[in-house]
Protein backbone atom coordinates (compact mmCIF):
# COMPACT_ATOMS: atom_id res chain seq x y z
CA MET A 1 20.13 24.22 -1.54
CA LEU A 2 19.75 20.83 -3.23
CA ALA A 3 16.34 21.58 -4.68
CA GLU A 4 17.15 25.18 -5.57
CA LYS A 5 20.57 24.82 -7.23
CA THR A 6 20.21 21.43 -8.96
CA SER A 7 17.59 19.56 -10.94
CA VAL A 8 18.23 16.33 -9.03
CA PHE A 9 15.39 16.97 -6.58
CA LYS A 10 11.96 18.31 -7.52
CA SER A 11 11.38 20.36 -4.38
CA LYS A 12 12.61 21.18 -0.89
CA GLY A 13 9.72 19.09 0.47
CA GLU A 14 10.96 16.03 -1.40
CA VAL A 15 14.43 16.44 0.08
CA ARG A 16 13.03 16.85 3.61
CA ARG A 17 10.82 13.78 3.19
CA LEU A 18 13.73 11.67 1.96
CA ILE A 19 15.88 12.77 4.90
CA LYS A 20 13.07 12.18 7.42
CA ASP A 21 12.40 8.69 6.02
CA ASN A 22 16.14 7.78 6.02
CA GLY A 23 16.05 7.56 2.23
CA LEU A 24 18.87 9.94 1.34
CA SER A 25 22.57 9.13 1.43
CA LEU A 26 25.42 11.52 0.73
CA ASN A 27 28.66 9.83 -0.35
CA MET A 28 27.31 6.47 0.87
CA GLU A 29 26.51 7.74 4.38
CA LYS A 30 22.97 8.41 5.59
CA PHE A 31 22.14 12.10 5.56
CA THR A 32 19.94 12.60 8.62
CA ASP A 33 19.88 16.33 9.43
CA PRO A 34 17.93 18.54 7.00
CA ASP A 35 19.47 21.66 8.55
CA GLU A 36 23.09 20.51 8.14
CA PRO A 37 24.77 22.54 5.40
CA ILE A 38 26.71 20.77 2.68
CA THR A 39 30.27 22.04 2.91
CA ALA A 40 33.68 21.36 1.40
CA LYS A 41 34.16 18.49 3.86
CA HIS A 42 31.46 16.55 1.98
CA LEU A 43 33.17 16.84 -1.40
CA ILE A 44 34.94 13.88 -2.96
CA LYS A 45 38.23 14.96 -4.54
CA GLU A 46 37.18 18.56 -3.85
CA LYS A 47 34.63 18.41 -6.68
CA TYR A 48 31.95 15.68 -6.46
CA LEU A 49 28.89 14.87 -4.36
CA VAL A 50 27.20 11.48 -4.73
CA PHE A 51 23.58 11.21 -3.63
CA ARG A 52 21.54 8.03 -3.35
CA GLN A 53 17.78 8.29 -3.17
CA GLY A 54 16.17 5.10 -1.92
CA LYS A 55 17.89 1.92 -3.06
CA LYS A 56 18.54 2.42 -6.75
CA LYS A 57 18.62 6.07 -7.82
CA TYR A 58 22.07 7.66 -7.80
CA SER A 59 23.01 11.22 -8.73
CA ILE A 60 26.43 12.82 -9.04
CA ILE A 61 26.73 16.57 -8.65
CA ILE A 62 29.89 18.22 -9.98
CA THR A 63 30.73 21.49 -8.26
CA GLU A 64 32.62 24.40 -9.73
């Protein structure tokens, strides 16, 4: 979903690699399961998702 619906990630493979290498955080918590769906429980204030790739690259996704 992340690679298909947003321009934050280049491909599904990039997302899987980041998760496998422990390089992806969702809302400041490590995201470790590539098959776990992102649901409403992950949203901050029912609207935002904050991703961190590696140590320095942050992305905020605003949902509708």
